[in-house]
Amino acid sequence: METVNLVLDIVLLLVGIWMIFVVRSSGLGGVMGRAFNAIVVGAAILGLAHLLETLMFEFLGLSADVNETVHRIFILAGFIAMIFGFQALGSLKSLRV
């Protein structure tokens, strides 16, 4: 099961990186581009959090408590990045004509 988790963690991170490339190559600029960039960076951080959790447990031998705390800090950072992106999208409401 450990191997399956590691493979899935790597896939999560790669999909997050893929999302960044897709958004950056989409040609979106301005508020929309910044918003989507923040959202996908947040998603990539979420993928990274899972991979780091697995690696820290397997290779650093951190206790479960420390590992879970570090994991939650990364998850929080990913969600905060996504919130900034969604707030930027929300600012588009005021631009309606």
PDB file of N, CA and C in Angstrom:
ATOM      1  N   MET A   1       0.822  -1.197   0.000  1.00  0.00           N
ATOM      2  CA  MET A   1       0.000   0.000   0.000  1.00  0.00           C
ATOM      3  C   MET A   1       0.865   1.260   0.000  1.00  0.00           C
ATOM      4  N   GLU A   2       2.044   1.187   0.628  1.00  0.00           N
ATOM      5  CA  GLU A   2       2.934   2.347   0.670  1.00  0.00           C
ATOM      6  C   GLU A   2       3.338   2.778  -0.731  1.00  0.00           C
ATOM      7  N   THR A   3       3.613   1.813  -1.603  1.00  0.00           N
ATOM      8  CA  THR A   3       4.014   2.128  -2.970  1.00  0.00           C
ATOM      9  C   THR A   3       2.872   2.802  -3.713  1.00  0.00           C
ATOM     10  N   VAL A   4       1.670   2.301  -3.524  1.00  0.00           N
ATOM     11  CA  VAL A   4       0.498   2.906  -4.175  1.00  0.00           C
ATOM     12  C   VAL A   4       0.328   4.344  -3.711  1.00  0.00           C
ATOM     13  N   ASN A   5       0.465   4.593  -2.410  1.00  0.00           N
ATOM     14  CA  ASN A   5       0.340   5.952  -1.889  1.00  0.00           C
ATOM     15  C   ASN A   5       1.411   6.872  -2.460  1.00  0.00           C
ATOM     16  N   LEU A   6       2.637   6.390  -2.541  1.00  0.00           N
ATOM     17  CA  LEU A   6       3.718   7.200  -3.087  1.00  0.00           C
ATOM     18  C   LEU A   6       3.445   7.542  -4.556  1.00  0.00           C
ATOM     19  N   VAL A   7       3.016   6.553  -5.327  1.00  0.00           N
ATOM     20  CA  VAL A   7       2.705   6.794  -6.743  1.00  0.00           C
ATOM     21  C   VAL A   7       1.569   7.810  -6.870  1.00  0.00           C
ATOM     22  N   LEU A   8       0.526   7.661  -6.074  1.00  0.00           N
ATOM     23  CA  LEU A   8      -0.591   8.611  -6.124  1.00  0.00           C
ATOM     24  C   LEU A   8      -0.155  10.010  -5.694  1.00  0.00           C
ATOM     25  N   ASP A   9       0.710  10.095  -4.698  1.00  0.00           N
ATOM     26  CA  ASP A   9       1.218  11.398  -4.267  1.00  0.00           C
ATOM     27  C   ASP A   9       1.997  12.079  -5.386  1.00  0.00           C
ATOM     28  N   ILE A  10       2.814  11.320  -6.091  1.00  0.00           N
ATOM     29  CA  ILE A  10       3.583  11.868  -7.211  1.00  0.00           C
ATOM     30  C   ILE A  10       2.640  12.311  -8.324  1.00  0.00           C
ATOM     31  N   VAL A  11       1.620  11.500  -8.607  1.00  0.00           N
ATOM     32  CA  VAL A  11       0.638  11.861  -9.637  1.00  0.00           C
ATOM     33  C   VAL A  11      -0.085  13.147  -9.248  1.00  0.00           C
ATOM     34  N   LEU A  12      -0.474  13.284  -7.978  1.00  0.00           N
ATOM     35  CA  LEU A  12      -1.136  14.508  -7.519  1.00  0.00           C
ATOM     36  C   LEU A  12      -0.261  15.735  -7.773  1.00  0.00           C
ATOM     37  N   LEU A  13       1.015  15.632  -7.451  1.00  0.00           N
ATOM     38  CA  LEU A  13       1.925  16.751  -7.660  1.00  0.00           C
ATOM     39  C   LEU A  13       2.089  17.042  -9.147  1.00  0.00           C
ATOM     40  N   LEU A  14       2.242  16.015  -9.951  1.00  0.00           N
ATOM     41  CA  LEU A  14       2.409  16.216 -11.393  1.00  0.00           C
ATOM     42  C   LEU A  14       1.167  16.845 -12.026  1.00  0.00           C
ATOM     43  N   VAL A  15      -0.005  16.445 -11.584  1.00  0.00           N
ATOM     44  CA  VAL A  15      -1.234  17.043 -12.101  1.00  0.00           C
ATOM     45  C   VAL A  15      -1.311  18.518 -11.705  1.00  0.00           C
ATOM     46  N   GLY A  16      -0.894  18.843 -10.483  1.00  0.00           N
ATOM     47  CA  GLY A  16      -0.859  20.240 -10.059  1.00  0.00           C
ATOM     48  C   GLY A  16       0.094  21.064 -10.919  1.00  0.00           C
ATOM     49  N   ILE A  17       1.257  20.514 -11.212  1.00  0.00           N
ATOM     50  CA  ILE A  17       2.227  21.202 -12.081  1.00  0.00           C
ATOM     51  C   ILE A  17       1.670  21.334 -13.487  1.00  0.00           C
ATOM     52  N   TRP A  18       1.017  20.305 -13.977  1.00  0.00           N
ATOM     53  CA  TRP A  18       0.386  20.341 -15.300  1.00  0.00           C
ATOM     54  C   TRP A  18      -0.652  21.464 -15.356  1.00  0.00           C
ATOM     55  N   MET A  19      -1.441  21.597 -14.289  1.00  0.00           N
ATOM     56  CA  MET A  19      -2.438  22.667 -14.234  1.00  0.00           C
ATOM     57  C   MET A  19      -1.768  24.035 -14.350  1.00  0.00           C
ATOM     58  N   ILE A  20      -0.633  24.210 -13.688  1.00  0.00           N
ATOM     59  CA  ILE A  20       0.082  25.488 -13.774  1.00  0.00           C
ATOM     60  C   ILE A  20       0.480  25.768 -15.221  1.00  0.00           C
ATOM     61  N   PHE A  21       1.041  24.776 -15.891  1.00  0.00           N
ATOM     62  CA  PHE A  21       1.443  24.965 -17.284  1.00  0.00           C
ATOM     63  C   PHE A  21       0.249  25.268 -18.181  1.00  0.00           C
ATOM     64  N   VAL A  22      -0.861  24.584 -17.962  1.00  0.00           N
ATOM     65  CA  VAL A  22      -2.053  24.813 -18.786  1.00  0.00           C
ATOM     66  C   VAL A  22      -2.548  26.240 -18.617  1.00  0.00           C
ATOM     67  N   VAL A  23      -2.636  26.710 -17.388  1.00  0.00           N
ATOM     68  CA  VAL A  23      -3.128  28.068 -17.143  1.00  0.00           C
ATOM     69  C   VAL A  23      -2.152  29.101 -17.690  1.00  0.00           C
ATOM     70  N   ARG A  24      -0.866  28.895 -17.456  1.00  0.00           N
ATOM     71  CA  ARG A  24       0.122  29.876 -17.930  1.00  0.00           C
ATOM     72  C   ARG A  24       0.190  29.925 -19.447  1.00  0.00           C
ATOM     73  N   SER A  25      -0.056  28.814 -20.108  1.00  0.00           N
ATOM     74  CA  SER A  25       0.002  28.807 -21.578  1.00  0.00           C
ATOM     75  C   SER A  25      -1.337  29.164 -22.212  1.00  0.00           C
ATOM     76  N   SER A  26      -2.356  29.406 -21.385  1.00  0.00           N
ATOM     77  CA  SER A  26      -3.686  29.704 -21.932  1.00  0.00           C
ATOM     78  C   SER A  26      -3.771  31.102 -22.529  1.00  0.00           C
ATOM     79  N   GLY A  27      -2.839  31.946 -22.187  1.00  0.00           N
ATOM     80  CA  GLY A  27      -2.876  33.310 -22.695  1.00  0.00           C
ATOM     81  C   GLY A  27      -3.753  34.239 -21.876  1.00  0.00           C
ATOM     82  N   LEU A  28      -4.352  33.720 -20.807  1.00  0.00           N
ATOM     83  CA  LEU A  28      -5.171  34.577 -19.951  1.00  0.00           C
ATOM     84  C   LEU A  28      -4.270  35.576 -19.233  1.00  0.00           C
ATOM     85  N   GLY A  29      -4.703  36.799 -19.208  1.00  0.00           N
ATOM     86  CA  GLY A  29      -3.941  37.827 -18.508  1.00  0.00           C
ATOM     87  C   GLY A  29      -4.845  38.588 -17.562  1.00  0.00           C
ATOM     88  N   GLY A  30      -4.328  39.633 -17.012  1.00  0.00           N
ATOM     89  CA  GLY A  30      -5.109  40.490 -16.143  1.00  0.00           C
ATOM     90  C   GLY A  30      -5.591  39.765 -14.900  1.00  0.00           C
ATOM     91  N   VAL A  31      -6.754  40.176 -14.450  1.00  0.00           N
ATOM     92  CA  VAL A  31      -7.317  39.616 -13.222  1.00  0.00           C
ATOM     93  C   VAL A  31      -7.574  38.122 -13.381  1.00  0.00           C
ATOM     94  N   MET A  32      -8.109  37.724 -14.511  1.00  0.00           N
ATOM     95  CA  MET A  32      -8.406  36.296 -14.726  1.00  0.00           C
ATOM     96  C   MET A  32      -7.134  35.453 -14.677  1.00  0.00           C
ATOM     97  N   GLY A  33      -6.090  35.902 -15.335  1.00  0.00           N
ATOM     98  CA  GLY A  33      -4.841  35.158 -15.344  1.00  0.00           C
ATOM     99  C   GLY A  33      -4.242  35.036 -13.960  1.00  0.00           C
ATOM    100  N   ARG A  34      -4.226  36.145 -13.209  1.00  0.00           N
ATOM    101  CA  ARG A  34      -3.690  36.106 -11.851  1.00  0.00           C
ATOM    102  C   ARG A  34      -4.538  35.210 -10.953  1.00  0.00           C
ATOM    103  N   ALA A  35      -5.850  35.290 -11.133  1.00  0.00           N
ATOM    104  CA  ALA A  35      -6.746  34.476 -10.302  1.00  0.00           C
ATOM    105  C   ALA A  35      -6.516  32.986 -10.549  1.00  0.00           C
ATOM    106  N   PHE A  36      -6.504  32.595 -11.822  1.00  0.00           N
ATOM    107  CA  PHE A  36      -6.311  31.175 -12.122  1.00  0.00           C
ATOM    108  C   PHE A  36      -4.919  30.705 -11.737  1.00  0.00           C
ATOM    109  N   ASN A  37      -3.913  31.577 -11.872  1.00  0.00           N
ATOM    110  CA  ASN A  37      -2.563  31.204 -11.431  1.00  0.00           C
ATOM    111  C   ASN A  37      -2.547  30.915  -9.942  1.00  0.00           C
ATOM    112  N   ALA A  38      -3.178  31.763  -9.144  1.00  0.00           N
ATOM    113  CA  ALA A  38      -3.207  31.548  -7.693  1.00  0.00           C
ATOM    114  C   ALA A  38      -3.940  30.255  -7.349  1.00  0.00           C
ATOM    115  N   ILE A  39      -5.038  29.990  -8.053  1.00  0.00           N
ATOM    116  CA  ILE A  39      -5.821  28.784  -7.780  1.00  0.00           C
ATOM    117  C   ILE A  39      -5.015  27.524  -8.090  1.00  0.00           C
ATOM    118  N   VAL A  40      -4.360  27.496  -9.241  1.00  0.00           N
ATOM    119  CA  VAL A  40      -3.627  26.277  -9.598  1.00  0.00           C
ATOM    120  C   VAL A  40      -2.339  26.130  -8.794  1.00  0.00           C
ATOM    121  N   VAL A  41      -1.722  27.230  -8.383  1.00  0.00           N
ATOM    122  CA  VAL A  41      -0.565  27.115  -7.488  1.00  0.00           C
ATOM    123  C   VAL A  41      -1.028  26.510  -6.165  1.00  0.00           C
ATOM    124  N   GLY A  42      -2.197  26.934  -5.689  1.00  0.00           N
ATOM    125  CA  GLY A  42      -2.763  26.334  -4.476  1.00  0.00           C
ATOM    126  C   GLY A  42      -2.991  24.843  -4.642  1.00  0.00           C
ATOM    127  N   ALA A  43      -3.494  24.451  -5.803  1.00  0.00           N
ATOM    128  CA  ALA A  43      -3.719  23.027  -6.059  1.00  0.00           C
ATOM    129  C   ALA A  43      -2.394  22.262  -6.098  1.00  0.00           C
ATOM    130  N   ALA A  44      -1.366  22.861  -6.674  1.00  0.00           N
ATOM    131  CA  ALA A  44      -0.056  22.206  -6.716  1.00  0.00           C
ATOM    132  C   ALA A  44       0.527  22.064  -5.306  1.00  0.00           C
ATOM    133  N   ILE A  45       0.309  23.073  -4.469  1.00  0.00           N
ATOM    134  CA  ILE A  45       0.775  22.987  -3.078  1.00  0.00           C
ATOM    135  C   ILE A  45       0.063  21.847  -2.361  1.00  0.00           C
ATOM    136  N   LEU A  46      -1.232  21.663  -2.643  1.00  0.00           N
ATOM    137  CA  LEU A  46      -1.963  20.542  -2.034  1.00  0.00           C
ATOM    138  C   LEU A  46      -1.354  19.205  -2.454  1.00  0.00           C
ATOM    139  N   GLY A  47      -1.004  19.083  -3.727  1.00  0.00           N
ATOM    140  CA  GLY A  47      -0.349  17.860  -4.197  1.00  0.00           C
ATOM    141  C   GLY A  47       1.005  17.659  -3.532  1.00  0.00           C
ATOM    142  N   LEU A  48       1.768  18.744  -3.415  1.00  0.00           N
ATOM    143  CA  LEU A  48       3.074  18.676  -2.764  1.00  0.00           C
ATOM    144  C   LEU A  48       2.939  18.265  -1.301  1.00  0.00           C
ATOM    145  N   ALA A  49       1.901  18.762  -0.638  1.00  0.00           N
ATOM    146  CA  ALA A  49       1.691  18.436   0.778  1.00  0.00           C
ATOM    147  C   ALA A  49       1.561  16.932   0.981  1.00  0.00           C
ATOM    148  N   HIS A  50       0.855  16.273   0.092  1.00  0.00           N
ATOM    149  CA  HIS A  50       0.667  14.831   0.242  1.00  0.00           C
ATOM    150  C   HIS A  50       1.965  14.070  -0.007  1.00  0.00           C
ATOM    151  N   LEU A  51       2.712  14.498  -1.015  1.00  0.00           N
ATOM    152  CA  LEU A  51       3.989  13.836  -1.284  1.00  0.00           C
ATOM    153  C   LEU A  51       4.956  14.047  -0.124  1.00  0.00           C
ATOM    154  N   LEU A  52       5.031  15.268   0.378  1.00  0.00           N
ATOM    155  CA  LEU A  52       5.930  15.531   1.506  1.00  0.00           C
ATOM    156  C   LEU A  52       5.544  14.735   2.740  1.00  0.00           C
ATOM    157  N   GLU A  53       4.241  14.593   2.969  1.00  0.00           N
ATOM    158  CA  GLU A  53       3.794  13.807   4.123  1.00  0.00           C
ATOM    159  C   GLU A  53       4.318  12.371   4.032  1.00  0.00           C
ATOM    160  N   THR A  54       4.180  11.778   2.860  1.00  0.00           N
ATOM    161  CA  THR A  54       4.653  10.409   2.661  1.00  0.00           C
ATOM    162  C   THR A  54       6.166  10.324   2.817  1.00  0.00           C
ATOM    163  N   LEU A  55       6.889  11.255   2.184  1.00  0.00           N
ATOM    164  CA  LEU A  55       8.353  11.215   2.236  1.00  0.00           C
ATOM    165  C   LEU A  55       8.879  11.474   3.646  1.00  0.00           C
ATOM    166  N   MET A  56       8.265  12.422   4.353  1.00  0.00           N
ATOM    167  CA  MET A  56       8.718  12.710   5.718  1.00  0.00           C
ATOM    168  C   MET A  56       8.513  11.504   6.625  1.00  0.00           C
ATOM    169  N   PHE A  57       7.410  10.810   6.435  1.00  0.00           N
ATOM    170  CA  PHE A  57       7.127   9.645   7.272  1.00  0.00           C
ATOM    171  C   PHE A  57       8.085   8.502   6.961  1.00  0.00           C
ATOM    172  N   GLU A  58       8.295   8.275   5.658  1.00  0.00           N
ATOM    173  CA  GLU A  58       9.112   7.128   5.239  1.00  0.00           C
ATOM    174  C   GLU A  58      10.607   7.346   5.461  1.00  0.00           C
ATOM    175  N   PHE A  59      11.115   8.547   5.145  1.00  0.00           N
ATOM    176  CA  PHE A  59      12.560   8.743   5.108  1.00  0.00           C
ATOM    177  C   PHE A  59      13.113   9.545   6.272  1.00  0.00           C
ATOM    178  N   LEU A  60      12.310  10.409   6.869  1.00  0.00           N
ATOM    179  CA  LEU A  60      12.816  11.196   7.991  1.00  0.00           C
ATOM    180  C   LEU A  60      12.435  10.601   9.333  1.00  0.00           C
ATOM    181  N   GLY A  61      11.508   9.682   9.310  1.00  0.00           N
ATOM    182  CA  GLY A  61      11.098   9.026  10.538  1.00  0.00           C
ATOM    183  C   GLY A  61      10.462   9.963  11.554  1.00  0.00           C
ATOM    184  N   LEU A  62       9.817  11.003  11.054  1.00  0.00           N
ATOM    185  CA  LEU A  62       9.153  11.926  11.974  1.00  0.00           C
ATOM    186  C   LEU A  62       7.985  11.233  12.651  1.00  0.00           C
ATOM    187  N   SER A  63       7.693  11.685  13.849  1.00  0.00           N
ATOM    188  CA  SER A  63       6.539  11.114  14.547  1.00  0.00           C
ATOM    189  C   SER A  63       5.274  11.481  13.784  1.00  0.00           C
ATOM    190  N   ALA A  64       4.240  10.709  14.018  1.00  0.00           N
ATOM    191  CA  ALA A  64       2.970  10.951  13.329  1.00  0.00           C
ATOM    192  C   ALA A  64       2.429  12.341  13.645  1.00  0.00           C
ATOM    193  N   ASP A  65       2.591  12.789  14.881  1.00  0.00           N
ATOM    194  CA  ASP A  65       2.091  14.117  15.266  1.00  0.00           C
ATOM    195  C   ASP A  65       2.790  15.230  14.495  1.00  0.00           C
ATOM    196  N   VAL A  66       4.113  15.172  14.438  1.00  0.00           N
ATOM    197  CA  VAL A  66       4.880  16.202  13.721  1.00  0.00           C
ATOM    198  C   VAL A  66       4.552  16.149  12.239  1.00  0.00           C
ATOM    199  N   ASN A  67       4.506  14.954  11.692  1.00  0.00           N
ATOM    200  CA  ASN A  67       4.208  14.772  10.270  1.00  0.00           C
ATOM    201  C   ASN A  67       2.847  15.359   9.928  1.00  0.00           C
ATOM    202  N   GLU A  68       1.854  15.066  10.729  1.00  0.00           N
ATOM    203  CA  GLU A  68       0.504  15.571  10.468  1.00  0.00           C
ATOM    204  C   GLU A  68       0.429  17.090  10.611  1.00  0.00           C
ATOM    205  N   THR A  69       1.169  17.640  11.564  1.00  0.00           N
ATOM    206  CA  THR A  69       1.175  19.098  11.735  1.00  0.00           C
ATOM    207  C   THR A  69       1.792  19.787  10.522  1.00  0.00           C
ATOM    208  N   VAL A  70       2.937  19.291  10.059  1.00  0.00           N
ATOM    209  CA  VAL A  70       3.583  19.859   8.871  1.00  0.00           C
ATOM    210  C   VAL A  70       2.656  19.714   7.665  1.00  0.00           C
ATOM    211  N   HIS A  71       2.031  18.566   7.528  1.00  0.00           N
ATOM    212  CA  HIS A  71       1.095  18.319   6.423  1.00  0.00           C
ATOM    213  C   HIS A  71      -0.031  19.354   6.437  1.00  0.00           C
ATOM    214  N   ARG A  72      -0.588  19.599   7.591  1.00  0.00           N
ATOM    215  CA  ARG A  72      -1.701  20.555   7.703  1.00  0.00           C
ATOM    216  C   ARG A  72      -1.262  21.986   7.400  1.00  0.00           C
ATOM    217  N   ILE A  73      -0.022  22.332   7.729  1.00  0.00           N
ATOM    218  CA  ILE A  73       0.489  23.668   7.400  1.00  0.00           C
ATOM    219  C   ILE A  73       0.558  23.836   5.886  1.00  0.00           C
ATOM    220  N   PHE A  74       1.036  22.810   5.180  1.00  0.00           N
ATOM    221  CA  PHE A  74       1.075  22.877   3.717  1.00  0.00           C
ATOM    222  C   PHE A  74      -0.330  22.932   3.126  1.00  0.00           C
ATOM    223  N   ILE A  75      -1.245  22.156   3.663  1.00  0.00           N
ATOM    224  CA  ILE A  75      -2.633  22.187   3.188  1.00  0.00           C
ATOM    225  C   ILE A  75      -3.212  23.583   3.387  1.00  0.00           C
ATOM    226  N   LEU A  76      -2.962  24.184   4.525  1.00  0.00           N
ATOM    227  CA  LEU A  76      -3.434  25.538   4.804  1.00  0.00           C
ATOM    228  C   LEU A  76      -2.873  26.522   3.778  1.00  0.00           C
ATOM    229  N   ALA A  77      -1.583  26.416   3.477  1.00  0.00           N
ATOM    230  CA  ALA A  77      -0.962  27.303   2.491  1.00  0.00           C
ATOM    231  C   ALA A  77      -1.615  27.137   1.115  1.00  0.00           C
ATOM    232  N   GLY A  78      -1.905  25.897   0.737  1.00  0.00           N
ATOM    233  CA  GLY A  78      -2.577  25.657  -0.548  1.00  0.00           C
ATOM    234  C   GLY A  78      -3.961  26.273  -0.592  1.00  0.00           C
ATOM    235  N   PHE A  79      -4.715  26.108   0.483  1.00  0.00           N
ATOM    236  CA  PHE A  79      -6.061  26.686   0.529  1.00  0.00           C
ATOM    237  C   PHE A  79      -6.006  28.215   0.509  1.00  0.00           C
ATOM    238  N   ILE A  80      -5.038  28.796   1.206  1.00  0.00           N
ATOM    239  CA  ILE A  80      -4.922  30.258   1.219  1.00  0.00           C
ATOM    240  C   ILE A  80      -4.607  30.778  -0.181  1.00  0.00           C
ATOM    241  N   ALA A  81      -3.713  30.104  -0.900  1.00  0.00           N
ATOM    242  CA  ALA A  81      -3.423  30.505  -2.280  1.00  0.00           C
ATOM    243  C   ALA A  81      -4.684  30.442  -3.132  1.00  0.00           C
ATOM    244  N   MET A  82      -5.466  29.390  -2.948  1.00  0.00           N
ATOM    245  CA  MET A  82      -6.707  29.254  -3.716  1.00  0.00           C
ATOM    246  C   MET A  82      -7.699  30.357  -3.345  1.00  0.00           C
ATOM    247  N   ILE A  83      -7.768  30.704  -2.067  1.00  0.00           N
ATOM    248  CA  ILE A  83      -8.669  31.773  -1.628  1.00  0.00           C
ATOM    249  C   ILE A  83      -8.310  33.083  -2.323  1.00  0.00           C
ATOM    250  N   PHE A  84      -7.003  33.402  -2.400  1.00  0.00           N
ATOM    251  CA  PHE A  84      -6.598  34.624  -3.097  1.00  0.00           C
ATOM    252  C   PHE A  84      -7.073  34.604  -4.550  1.00  0.00           C
ATOM    253  N   GLY A  85      -6.984  33.447  -5.184  1.00  0.00           N
ATOM    254  CA  GLY A  85      -7.458  33.334  -6.559  1.00  0.00           C
ATOM    255  C   GLY A  85      -8.956  33.540  -6.673  1.00  0.00           C
ATOM    256  N   PHE A  86      -9.707  32.936  -5.775  1.00  0.00           N
ATOM    257  CA  PHE A  86     -11.162  33.100  -5.814  1.00  0.00           C
ATOM    258  C   PHE A  86     -11.569  34.532  -5.477  1.00  0.00           C
ATOM    259  N   GLN A  87     -10.830  35.181  -4.580  1.00  0.00           N
ATOM    260  CA  GLN A  87     -11.124  36.585  -4.281  1.00  0.00           C
ATOM    261  C   GLN A  87     -10.891  37.451  -5.515  1.00  0.00           C
ATOM    262  N   ALA A  88      -9.833  37.163  -6.246  1.00  0.00           N
ATOM    263  CA  ALA A  88      -9.560  37.918  -7.473  1.00  0.00           C
ATOM    264  C   ALA A  88     -10.693  37.730  -8.479  1.00  0.00           C
ATOM    265  N   LEU A  89     -11.200  36.503  -8.577  1.00  0.00           N
ATOM    266  CA  LEU A  89     -12.353  36.269  -9.469  1.00  0.00           C
ATOM    267  C   LEU A  89     -13.566  37.051  -8.991  1.00  0.00           C
ATOM    268  N   GLY A  90     -13.746  37.115  -7.679  1.00  0.00           N
ATOM    269  CA  GLY A  90     -14.871  37.851  -7.108  1.00  0.00           C
ATOM    270  C   GLY A  90     -14.789  39.341  -7.418  1.00  0.00           C
ATOM    271  N   SER A  91     -13.567  39.853  -7.587  1.00  0.00           N
ATOM    272  CA  SER A  91     -13.420  41.280  -7.891  1.00  0.00           C
ATOM    273  C   SER A  91     -13.948  41.608  -9.278  1.00  0.00           C
ATOM    274  N   LEU A  92     -14.122  40.597 -10.107  1.00  0.00           N
ATOM    275  CA  LEU A  92     -14.656  40.832 -11.451  1.00  0.00           C
ATOM    276  C   LEU A  92     -16.133  41.238 -11.409  1.00  0.00           C
ATOM    277  N   LYS A  93     -16.820  40.919 -10.322  1.00  0.00           N
ATOM    278  CA  LYS A  93     -18.233  41.310 -10.193  1.00  0.00           C
ATOM    279  C   LYS A  93     -18.390  42.819 -10.333  1.00  0.00           C
ATOM    280  N   SER A  94     -17.463  43.555  -9.760  1.00  0.00           N
ATOM    281  CA  SER A  94     -17.581  45.009  -9.781  1.00  0.00           C
ATOM    282  C   SER A  94     -17.320  45.579 -11.182  1.00  0.00           C
ATOM    283  N   LEU A  95     -16.793  44.753 -12.094  1.00  0.00           N
ATOM    284  CA  LEU A  95     -16.516  45.205 -13.444  1.00  0.00           C
ATOM    285  C   LEU A  95     -17.667  44.962 -14.401  1.00  0.00           C
ATOM    286  N   ARG A  96     -18.754  44.360 -13.916  1.00  0.00           N
ATOM    287  CA  ARG A  96     -19.894  44.062 -14.791  1.00  0.00           C
ATOM    288  C   ARG A  96     -20.457  45.330 -15.408  1.00  0.00           C
ATOM    289  N   VAL A  97     -20.881  45.166 -16.643  1.00  0.00           N
ATOM    290  CA  VAL A  97     -21.483  46.300 -17.356  1.00  0.00           C
ATOM    291  C   VAL A  97     -22.937  46.034 -17.594  1.00  0.00           C
TER     292      VAL A  97
END
